[in-house]
Amino acid sequence: HEVLPIPVVAVSGHIRRTSAINIE
């Protein structure tokens, strides 16, 4: 849930914000 200062790639994480990329 926290916005981090590094890239985040979520596999089946469904993080809905522009700072994360979702692999769905």
PDB file of all heavy atoms in Angstrom:
ATOM      1  N   HIS A   1       0.818  -1.219   0.000  1.00  0.00           N
ATOM      2  CA  HIS A   1       0.000   0.000   0.000  1.00  0.00           C
ATOM      3  C   HIS A   1       0.852   1.269   0.000  1.00  0.00           C
ATOM      4  O   HIS A   1       0.394   2.325  -0.423  1.00  0.00           O
ATOM      5  CB  HIS A   1      -0.928  -0.010   1.215  1.00  0.00           C
ATOM      6  CG  HIS A   1      -1.857  -1.188   1.256  1.00  0.00           C
ATOM      7  ND1 HIS A   1      -2.866  -1.360   0.336  1.00  0.00           N
ATOM      8  CD2 HIS A   1      -1.900  -2.267   2.080  1.00  0.00           C
ATOM      9  CE1 HIS A   1      -3.510  -2.484   0.601  1.00  0.00           C
ATOM     10  NE2 HIS A   1      -2.948  -3.054   1.641  1.00  0.00           N
ATOM     11  N   GLU A   2       2.073   1.170   0.467  1.00  0.00           N
ATOM     12  CA  GLU A   2       2.928   2.349   0.579  1.00  0.00           C
ATOM     13  C   GLU A   2       3.555   2.681  -0.779  1.00  0.00           C
ATOM     14  O   GLU A   2       3.948   1.795  -1.538  1.00  0.00           O
ATOM     15  CB  GLU A   2       4.047   2.071   1.597  1.00  0.00           C
ATOM     16  CG  GLU A   2       4.889   3.282   1.928  1.00  0.00           C
ATOM     17  CD  GLU A   2       5.923   2.960   2.992  1.00  0.00           C
ATOM     18  OE1 GLU A   2       6.009   1.789   3.413  1.00  0.00           O
ATOM     19  OE2 GLU A   2       6.640   3.885   3.386  1.00  0.00           O
ATOM     20  N   VAL A   3       3.611   3.959  -1.099  1.00  0.00           N
ATOM     21  CA  VAL A   3       4.308   4.408  -2.304  1.00  0.00           C
ATOM     22  C   VAL A   3       5.803   4.415  -2.021  1.00  0.00           C
ATOM     23  O   VAL A   3       6.260   5.102  -1.103  1.00  0.00           O
ATOM     24  CB  VAL A   3       3.832   5.807  -2.738  1.00  0.00           C
ATOM     25  CG1 VAL A   3       4.614   6.276  -3.954  1.00  0.00           C
ATOM     26  CG2 VAL A   3       2.340   5.789  -3.050  1.00  0.00           C
ATOM     27  N   LEU A   4       6.575   3.663  -2.789  1.00  0.00           N
ATOM     28  CA  LEU A   4       8.003   3.520  -2.542  1.00  0.00           C
ATOM     29  C   LEU A   4       8.814   4.316  -3.567  1.00  0.00           C
ATOM     30  O   LEU A   4       8.364   4.518  -4.697  1.00  0.00           O
ATOM     31  CB  LEU A   4       8.398   2.043  -2.606  1.00  0.00           C
ATOM     32  CG  LEU A   4       7.678   1.127  -1.598  1.00  0.00           C
ATOM     33  CD1 LEU A   4       8.066  -0.322  -1.834  1.00  0.00           C
ATOM     34  CD2 LEU A   4       7.996   1.537  -0.172  1.00  0.00           C
ATOM     35  N   PRO A   5      10.007   4.717  -3.215  1.00  0.00           N
ATOM     36  CA  PRO A   5      10.830   5.518  -4.138  1.00  0.00           C
ATOM     37  C   PRO A   5      11.608   4.674  -5.149  1.00  0.00           C
ATOM     38  O   PRO A   5      12.521   5.198  -5.800  1.00  0.00           O
ATOM     39  CB  PRO A   5      11.785   6.247  -3.181  1.00  0.00           C
ATOM     40  CG  PRO A   5      11.952   5.300  -2.042  1.00  0.00           C
ATOM     41  CD  PRO A   5      10.618   4.624  -1.873  1.00  0.00           C
ATOM     42  N   ILE A   6      11.288   3.410  -5.270  1.00  0.00           N
ATOM     43  CA  ILE A   6      11.938   2.515  -6.230  1.00  0.00           C
ATOM     44  C   ILE A   6      10.853   1.822  -7.046  1.00  0.00           C
ATOM     45  O   ILE A   6       9.687   1.750  -6.631  1.00  0.00           O
ATOM     46  CB  ILE A   6      12.832   1.474  -5.521  1.00  0.00           C
ATOM     47  CG1 ILE A   6      12.009   0.654  -4.530  1.00  0.00           C
ATOM     48  CG2 ILE A   6      14.016   2.147  -4.832  1.00  0.00           C
ATOM     49  CD1 ILE A   6      12.777  -0.486  -3.883  1.00  0.00           C
ATOM     50  N   PRO A   7      11.204   1.276  -8.212  1.00  0.00           N
ATOM     51  CA  PRO A   7      10.205   0.577  -9.030  1.00  0.00           C
ATOM     52  C   PRO A   7       9.636  -0.662  -8.325  1.00  0.00           C
ATOM     53  O   PRO A   7      10.364  -1.397  -7.651  1.00  0.00           O
ATOM     54  CB  PRO A   7      10.987   0.173 -10.283  1.00  0.00           C
ATOM     55  CG  PRO A   7      12.164   1.077 -10.321  1.00  0.00           C
ATOM     56  CD  PRO A   7      12.509   1.358  -8.898  1.00  0.00           C
ATOM     57  N   VAL A   8       8.337  -0.865  -8.483  1.00  0.00           N
ATOM     58  CA  VAL A   8       7.654  -2.042  -7.939  1.00  0.00           C
ATOM     59  C   VAL A   8       6.905  -2.722  -9.081  1.00  0.00           C
ATOM     60  O   VAL A   8       6.130  -2.079  -9.793  1.00  0.00           O
ATOM     61  CB  VAL A   8       6.662  -1.666  -6.823  1.00  0.00           C
ATOM     62  CG1 VAL A   8       5.877  -2.904  -6.364  1.00  0.00           C
ATOM     63  CG2 VAL A   8       7.386  -1.040  -5.646  1.00  0.00           C
ATOM     64  N   VAL A   9       7.163  -4.013  -9.250  1.00  0.00           N
ATOM     65  CA  VAL A   9       6.416  -4.822 -10.220  1.00  0.00           C
ATOM     66  C   VAL A   9       5.633  -5.850  -9.425  1.00  0.00           C
ATOM     67  O   VAL A   9       6.212  -6.635  -8.656  1.00  0.00           O
ATOM     68  CB  VAL A   9       7.357  -5.510 -11.229  1.00  0.00           C
ATOM     69  CG1 VAL A   9       6.553  -6.416 -12.155  1.00  0.00           C
ATOM     70  CG2 VAL A   9       8.118  -4.467 -12.039  1.00  0.00           C
ATOM     71  N   ALA A  10       4.329  -5.845  -9.595  1.00  0.00           N
ATOM     72  CA  ALA A  10       3.448  -6.722  -8.816  1.00  0.00           C
ATOM     73  C   ALA A  10       2.924  -7.858  -9.686  1.00  0.00           C
ATOM     74  O   ALA A  10       2.285  -7.615 -10.710  1.00  0.00           O
ATOM     75  CB  ALA A  10       2.283  -5.923  -8.241  1.00  0.00           C
ATOM     76  N   VAL A  11       3.206  -9.086  -9.293  1.00  0.00           N
ATOM     77  CA  VAL A  11       2.663 -10.263  -9.967  1.00  0.00           C
ATOM     78  C   VAL A  11       1.412 -10.670  -9.198  1.00  0.00           C
ATOM     79  O   VAL A  11       1.494 -11.082  -8.035  1.00  0.00           O
ATOM     80  CB  VAL A  11       3.675 -11.416 -10.006  1.00  0.00           C
ATOM     81  CG1 VAL A  11       3.069 -12.626 -10.705  1.00  0.00           C
ATOM     82  CG2 VAL A  11       4.959 -10.989 -10.699  1.00  0.00           C
ATOM     83  N   SER A  12       0.249 -10.529  -9.826  1.00  0.00           N
ATOM     84  CA  SER A  12      -1.037 -10.815  -9.170  1.00  0.00           C
ATOM     85  C   SER A  12      -1.182 -10.015  -7.873  1.00  0.00           C
ATOM     86  O   SER A  12      -1.756 -10.498  -6.897  1.00  0.00           O
ATOM     87  CB  SER A  12      -1.183 -12.312  -8.879  1.00  0.00           C
ATOM     88  OG  SER A  12      -1.150 -13.060 -10.070  1.00  0.00           O
ATOM     89  N   GLY A  13      -0.675  -8.810  -7.870  1.00  0.00           N
ATOM     90  CA  GLY A  13      -0.781  -7.972  -6.681  1.00  0.00           C
ATOM     91  C   GLY A  13      -1.908  -6.965  -6.767  1.00  0.00           C
ATOM     92  O   GLY A  13      -2.410  -6.491  -5.758  1.00  0.00           O
ATOM     93  N   HIS A  14      -2.295  -6.594  -8.005  1.00  0.00           N
ATOM     94  CA  HIS A  14      -3.401  -5.674  -8.242  1.00  0.00           C
ATOM     95  C   HIS A  14      -3.222  -4.379  -7.458  1.00  0.00           C
ATOM     96  O   HIS A  14      -4.123  -3.910  -6.761  1.00  0.00           O
ATOM     97  CB  HIS A  14      -4.738  -6.333  -7.905  1.00  0.00           C
ATOM     98  CG  HIS A  14      -4.934  -7.662  -8.576  1.00  0.00           C
ATOM     99  ND1 HIS A  14      -5.241  -7.776  -9.913  1.00  0.00           N
ATOM    100  CD2 HIS A  14      -4.833  -8.929  -8.109  1.00  0.00           C
ATOM    101  CE1 HIS A  14      -5.340  -9.062 -10.233  1.00  0.00           C
ATOM    102  NE2 HIS A  14      -5.091  -9.779  -9.160  1.00  0.00           N
ATOM    103  N   ILE A  15      -2.032  -3.792  -7.577  1.00  0.00           N
ATOM    104  CA  ILE A  15      -1.743  -2.511  -6.920  1.00  0.00           C
ATOM    105  C   ILE A  15      -2.160  -1.400  -7.867  1.00  0.00           C
ATOM    106  O   ILE A  15      -1.545  -1.204  -8.917  1.00  0.00           O
ATOM    107  CB  ILE A  15      -0.243  -2.404  -6.570  1.00  0.00           C
ATOM    108  CG1 ILE A  15       0.185  -3.556  -5.650  1.00  0.00           C
ATOM    109  CG2 ILE A  15       0.043  -1.067  -5.899  1.00  0.00           C
ATOM    110  CD1 ILE A  15       1.680  -3.614  -5.394  1.00  0.00           C
ATOM    111  N   ARG A  16      -3.205  -0.684  -7.530  1.00  0.00           N
ATOM    112  CA  ARG A  16      -3.786   0.298  -8.434  1.00  0.00           C
ATOM    113  C   ARG A  16      -3.220   1.691  -8.210  1.00  0.00           C
ATOM    114  O   ARG A  16      -3.821   2.547  -7.572  1.00  0.00           O
ATOM    115  CB  ARG A  16      -5.308   0.310  -8.274  1.00  0.00           C
ATOM    116  CG  ARG A  16      -5.967  -0.994  -8.663  1.00  0.00           C
ATOM    117  CD  ARG A  16      -5.795  -1.257 -10.140  1.00  0.00           C
ATOM    118  NE  ARG A  16      -6.301  -2.572 -10.525  1.00  0.00           N
ATOM    119  CZ  ARG A  16      -5.649  -3.414 -11.290  1.00  0.00           C
ATOM    120  NH1 ARG A  16      -4.452  -3.096 -11.735  1.00  0.00           N
ATOM    121  NH2 ARG A  16      -6.164  -4.589 -11.610  1.00  0.00           N
ATOM    122  N   ARG A  17      -2.003   1.901  -8.707  1.00  0.00           N
ATOM    123  CA  ARG A  17      -1.423   3.251  -8.694  1.00  0.00           C
ATOM    124  C   ARG A  17      -0.329   3.302  -9.755  1.00  0.00           C
ATOM    125  O   ARG A  17       0.212   2.271 -10.174  1.00  0.00           O
ATOM    126  CB  ARG A  17      -0.896   3.617  -7.316  1.00  0.00           C
ATOM    127  CG  ARG A  17       0.170   2.707  -6.768  1.00  0.00           C
ATOM    128  CD  ARG A  17       0.747   3.294  -5.487  1.00  0.00           C
ATOM    129  NE  ARG A  17       1.822   2.469  -4.966  1.00  0.00           N
ATOM    130  CZ  ARG A  17       1.668   1.524  -4.053  1.00  0.00           C
ATOM    131  NH1 ARG A  17       0.461   1.297  -3.564  1.00  0.00           N
ATOM    132  NH2 ARG A  17       2.694   0.814  -3.627  1.00  0.00           N
ATOM    133  N   THR A  18       0.004   4.493 -10.165  1.00  0.00           N
ATOM    134  CA  THR A  18       0.937   4.663 -11.281  1.00  0.00           C
ATOM    135  C   THR A  18       2.360   4.293 -10.906  1.00  0.00           C
ATOM    136  O   THR A  18       3.201   4.103 -11.785  1.00  0.00           O
ATOM    137  CB  THR A  18       0.910   6.119 -11.776  1.00  0.00           C
ATOM    138  OG1 THR A  18       1.199   6.990 -10.677  1.00  0.00           O
ATOM    139  CG2 THR A  18      -0.457   6.474 -12.352  1.00  0.00           C
ATOM    140  N   SER A  19       2.669   4.179  -9.617  1.00  0.00           N
ATOM    141  CA  SER A  19       4.037   3.877  -9.209  1.00  0.00           C
ATOM    142  C   SER A  19       4.350   2.385  -9.249  1.00  0.00           C
ATOM    143  O   SER A  19       5.464   1.979  -8.933  1.00  0.00           O
ATOM    144  CB  SER A  19       4.289   4.406  -7.784  1.00  0.00           C
ATOM    145  OG  SER A  19       3.383   3.811  -6.873  1.00  0.00           O
ATOM    146  N   ALA A  20       3.370   1.558  -9.620  1.00  0.00           N
ATOM    147  CA  ALA A  20       3.601   0.113  -9.687  1.00  0.00           C
ATOM    148  C   ALA A  20       3.096  -0.418 -11.023  1.00  0.00           C
ATOM    149  O   ALA A  20       2.125   0.085 -11.587  1.00  0.00           O
ATOM    150  CB  ALA A  20       2.888  -0.597  -8.541  1.00  0.00           C
ATOM    151  N   ILE A  21       3.790  -1.444 -11.519  1.00  0.00           N
ATOM    152  CA  ILE A  21       3.368  -2.117 -12.744  1.00  0.00           C
ATOM    153  C   ILE A  21       2.823  -3.494 -12.366  1.00  0.00           C
ATOM    154  O   ILE A  21       3.458  -4.248 -11.616  1.00  0.00           O
ATOM    155  CB  ILE A  21       4.537  -2.262 -13.737  1.00  0.00           C
ATOM    156  CG1 ILE A  21       5.015  -0.879 -14.170  1.00  0.00           C
ATOM    157  CG2 ILE A  21       4.125  -3.075 -14.949  1.00  0.00           C
ATOM    158  CD1 ILE A  21       6.198  -0.909 -15.106  1.00  0.00           C
ATOM    159  N   ASN A  22       1.658  -3.828 -12.880  1.00  0.00           N
ATOM    160  CA  ASN A  22       1.009  -5.088 -12.549  1.00  0.00           C
ATOM    161  C   ASN A  22       1.157  -6.101 -13.682  1.00  0.00           C
ATOM    162  O   ASN A  22       0.876  -5.790 -14.840  1.00  0.00           O
ATOM    163  CB  ASN A  22      -0.478  -4.859 -12.290  1.00  0.00           C
ATOM    164  CG  ASN A  22      -0.729  -4.053 -11.033  1.00  0.00           C
ATOM    165  OD1 ASN A  22      -0.742  -4.598  -9.942  1.00  0.00           O
ATOM    166  ND2 ASN A  22      -0.914  -2.747 -11.183  1.00  0.00           N
ATOM    167  N   ILE A  23       1.600  -7.300 -13.328  1.00  0.00           N
ATOM    168  CA  ILE A  23       1.586  -8.428 -14.260  1.00  0.00           C
ATOM    169  C   ILE A  23       0.346  -9.228 -13.895  1.00  0.00           C
ATOM    170  O   ILE A  23       0.274  -9.847 -12.830  1.00  0.00           O
ATOM    171  CB  ILE A  23       2.844  -9.308 -14.123  1.00  0.00           C
ATOM    172  CG1 ILE A  23       4.116  -8.443 -14.088  1.00  0.00           C
ATOM    173  CG2 ILE A  23       2.889 -10.336 -15.236  1.00  0.00           C
ATOM    174  CD1 ILE A  23       4.358  -7.615 -15.324  1.00  0.00           C
ATOM    175  N   GLU A  24      -0.660  -9.206 -14.763  1.00  0.00           N
ATOM    176  CA  GLU A  24      -1.967  -9.740 -14.397  1.00  0.00           C
ATOM    177  C   GLU A  24      -2.452 -10.791 -15.383  1.00  0.00           C
ATOM    178  O   GLU A  24      -2.297 -10.649 -16.597  1.00  0.00           O
ATOM    179  CB  GLU A  24      -3.002  -8.610 -14.331  1.00  0.00           C
ATOM    180  CG  GLU A  24      -2.702  -7.562 -13.280  1.00  0.00           C
ATOM    181  CD  GLU A  24      -3.733  -6.454 -13.269  1.00  0.00           C
ATOM    182  OE1 GLU A  24      -4.188  -6.035 -14.343  1.00  0.00           O
ATOM    183  OE2 GLU A  24      -4.080  -6.010 -12.167  1.00  0.00           O
TER     184      GLU A  24
END
